Protein backbone atom coordinates (compact mmCIF):
# COMPACT_ATOMS: atom_id res chain seq x y z
CA ARG A 1 85.31 -58.87 -230.14
CA PHE A 2 88.54 -57.10 -229.20
CA ASP A 3 87.84 -54.31 -231.70
CA ARG A 4 84.43 -53.72 -230.13
CA LEU A 5 85.93 -53.56 -226.63
CA ARG A 6 88.67 -51.20 -227.79
CA TYR A 7 86.06 -49.01 -229.51
CA VAL A 8 84.06 -48.79 -226.28
CA GLU A 9 87.19 -48.02 -224.25
CA ILE A 10 88.21 -45.20 -226.59
CA LYS A 11 84.69 -43.78 -226.63
CA HIS A 12 84.35 -43.85 -222.85
CA GLY A 13 87.79 -42.28 -222.55
CA ARG A 14 86.81 -39.42 -224.84
CA ILE A 15 83.58 -38.83 -222.94
CA SER A 16 85.46 -38.94 -219.64
CA GLN A 17 87.97 -36.39 -220.87
CA LEU A 18 85.14 -34.02 -221.74
CA ALA A 19 83.39 -34.70 -218.42
CA PHE A 20 86.55 -34.11 -216.39
CA LEU A 21 87.27 -30.88 -218.23
CA GLY A 22 83.67 -29.77 -217.73
CA GLN A 23 83.82 -30.48 -213.99
CA ILE A 24 87.05 -28.57 -213.54
CA THR A 25 86.07 -25.53 -215.59
CA THR A 26 82.61 -25.09 -214.06
CA ARG A 27 83.92 -25.55 -210.52
CA ALA A 28 86.57 -22.92 -211.27
CA GLY A 29 83.75 -20.51 -212.08
CA TYR A 30 83.84 -20.54 -215.88
CA HIS A 31 80.39 -20.79 -217.43
CA LEU A 32 78.93 -20.01 -220.82
CA SER A 33 77.66 -16.47 -221.08
CA GLY A 34 74.02 -15.75 -221.76
CA ASN A 35 70.86 -17.58 -220.85
CA ILE A 36 70.17 -21.29 -220.97
CA ASP A 37 66.46 -20.85 -221.68
CA GLY A 38 63.87 -18.29 -222.75
CA ALA A 39 62.94 -17.56 -219.12
CA GLY A 40 66.24 -15.74 -218.58
CA ASP A 41 68.05 -18.32 -216.44
CA ALA A 42 71.79 -17.82 -216.83
CA PHE A 43 74.15 -20.77 -217.27
CA ASP A 44 75.89 -19.90 -214.01
CA SER A 45 72.62 -19.92 -212.05
CA PHE A 46 72.60 -23.72 -211.97
CA PRO A 47 74.73 -25.80 -209.58
CA ASN A 48 77.70 -27.92 -210.60
CA GLY A 49 77.97 -31.71 -210.77
CA PHE A 50 75.11 -34.07 -209.96
CA ALA A 51 73.03 -31.22 -208.53
CA ALA A 52 72.77 -29.75 -212.04
CA ILE A 53 70.60 -32.66 -213.18
CA GLY A 54 68.96 -33.88 -209.99
CA GLY A 55 68.86 -31.22 -207.31
CA PRO A 56 66.23 -28.69 -206.29
CA ASP A 57 67.85 -25.97 -208.43
CA SER A 58 68.61 -28.31 -211.33
CA ILE A 59 68.20 -27.73 -215.04
CA PRO A 60 64.51 -28.24 -215.98
CA GLY A 61 63.54 -31.67 -217.29
CA ALA A 62 62.91 -30.36 -220.81
CA GLY A 63 66.48 -29.03 -220.97
CA THR A 64 67.93 -32.30 -219.74
CA GLY A 65 65.78 -34.14 -222.29
CA GLN A 66 67.10 -31.93 -225.10
CA MET A 67 70.68 -32.70 -224.09
CA LEU A 68 69.96 -36.44 -224.03
CA LEU A 69 68.26 -36.29 -227.44
CA PHE A 70 71.21 -34.39 -228.90
CA VAL A 71 73.71 -36.92 -227.55
CA GLY A 72 71.50 -39.77 -228.79
CA ALA A 73 71.38 -38.25 -232.28
CA LEU A 74 75.16 -37.91 -232.31
CA GLU A 75 75.48 -41.53 -231.18
CA LEU A 76 73.12 -42.88 -233.83
CA PHE A 77 73.92 -40.73 -236.85
CA VAL A 78 77.33 -39.05 -236.53
CA MET A 79 79.78 -40.91 -234.29
CA LYS A 80 80.08 -44.12 -236.26
CA ASP A 81 83.04 -46.32 -237.02
CA SER A 82 83.63 -49.80 -238.39
CA ALA A 83 82.82 -51.40 -235.01
CA ASN A 84 79.23 -50.18 -235.21
CA GLY A 85 78.35 -50.28 -238.88
CA ALA A 86 80.11 -47.39 -240.63
CA ALA A 87 82.61 -47.70 -243.44
CA PRO A 88 85.95 -48.97 -242.13
CA GLY A 89 88.37 -46.27 -240.97
CA ASP A 90 92.09 -46.53 -240.34
CA PHE A 91 91.56 -47.89 -236.82
CA VAL A 92 88.89 -48.70 -234.26
CA GLY A 93 87.44 -45.44 -232.95
CA ASP A 94 88.19 -43.54 -236.17
CA PHE A 95 85.26 -41.09 -236.26
CA ARG A 96 86.57 -38.94 -239.09
CA ASN A 97 84.08 -40.50 -241.52
CA GLY A 98 85.92 -38.90 -244.43
CA TYR A 99 85.26 -35.32 -243.26
CA ILE A 100 87.72 -34.21 -240.59
CA ASP A 101 91.34 -35.16 -241.03
CA PHE A 102 93.53 -32.88 -238.83
CA ARG A 103 96.44 -33.93 -241.10
CA TRP A 104 96.30 -37.48 -239.70
CA ASP A 105 97.32 -38.94 -243.04
CA ASP A 106 100.58 -36.92 -242.99
CA PHE A 107 101.94 -38.83 -239.95
CA ASP A 108 104.08 -41.92 -240.31
CA GLU A 109 102.85 -45.21 -238.83
CA GLU A 110 105.03 -44.97 -235.72
CA THR A 111 103.69 -41.49 -234.90
CA LYS A 112 100.11 -42.64 -235.48
CA LEU A 113 100.58 -45.55 -233.05
CA GLN A 114 102.16 -43.24 -230.48
CA LYS A 115 99.32 -40.70 -230.73
CA ARG A 116 96.69 -43.44 -230.42
CA ALA A 117 98.47 -44.81 -227.33
CA VAL A 118 98.57 -41.33 -225.78
CA GLU A 119 94.84 -40.89 -226.41
CA LEU A 120 94.10 -44.30 -224.91
CA ASN A 121 96.15 -43.58 -221.77
CA ASN A 122 94.71 -40.08 -221.37
CA GLY A 123 91.23 -41.57 -221.65
CA ARG A 124 92.01 -44.15 -218.98
CA ALA A 125 93.33 -41.43 -216.67
CA ALA A 126 90.24 -39.29 -217.32
CA MET A 127 87.94 -42.23 -216.52
CA MET A 128 89.64 -42.59 -213.14
CA GLY A 129 89.65 -38.81 -212.64
CA ILE A 130 85.95 -38.26 -213.29
CA LEU A 131 85.09 -41.29 -211.18
CA GLY A 132 87.12 -39.81 -208.32
CA LEU A 133 85.39 -36.42 -208.69
CA MET A 134 81.95 -38.06 -208.70
CA VAL A 135 82.71 -40.13 -205.59
CA HIS A 136 84.17 -37.09 -203.84
CA GLU A 137 81.06 -35.07 -204.65
CA GLN A 138 78.82 -37.75 -203.16
CA LEU A 139 80.90 -37.91 -199.96
CA GLY A 140 79.73 -34.42 -199.07
CA ASP A 141 81.76 -31.71 -197.36
CA VAL A 142 84.75 -33.86 -196.50
CA ASP A 143 88.10 -32.11 -196.58
CA LEU A 144 90.39 -34.47 -198.48
CA PRO A 145 94.13 -34.06 -199.07
CA VAL A 146 95.20 -32.17 -202.20
CA ILE A 147 91.69 -31.44 -203.50
CA GLY A 148 90.05 -30.06 -200.36
CA ILE A 149 86.27 -29.64 -200.33
CA ILE A 150 84.39 -29.68 -203.62
């Protein structure tokens, strides 16, 4: 049971890190170049945050559906570890599946434990960070200390 909970914590931490980075980069004005669809809508023509998936100028439903299907396919067929039916890896949350190594096997055990602890703590911080950004976005145009108005 603990392995399953740790697997879920690591996974949510990784997703939160990507979400936090995505929020910060798009709000800073960095968007993918080109068009998001065949109609010629540019990536930067859509709003940031929740408004991108649920506002009046949001990404069309078919586009949102494609993103959800892609993430679902990754979840079901690619991102597997021993906690959800794949061959056992070195640790819970090991998604290498024998393909990507990043020289992990060259590290000694103490370094591996330290790197896993850093990832776990960064994931926890990112979960709190993205939660804070989402709450702040829903508060509206409130000028808060340090972060101002989103």
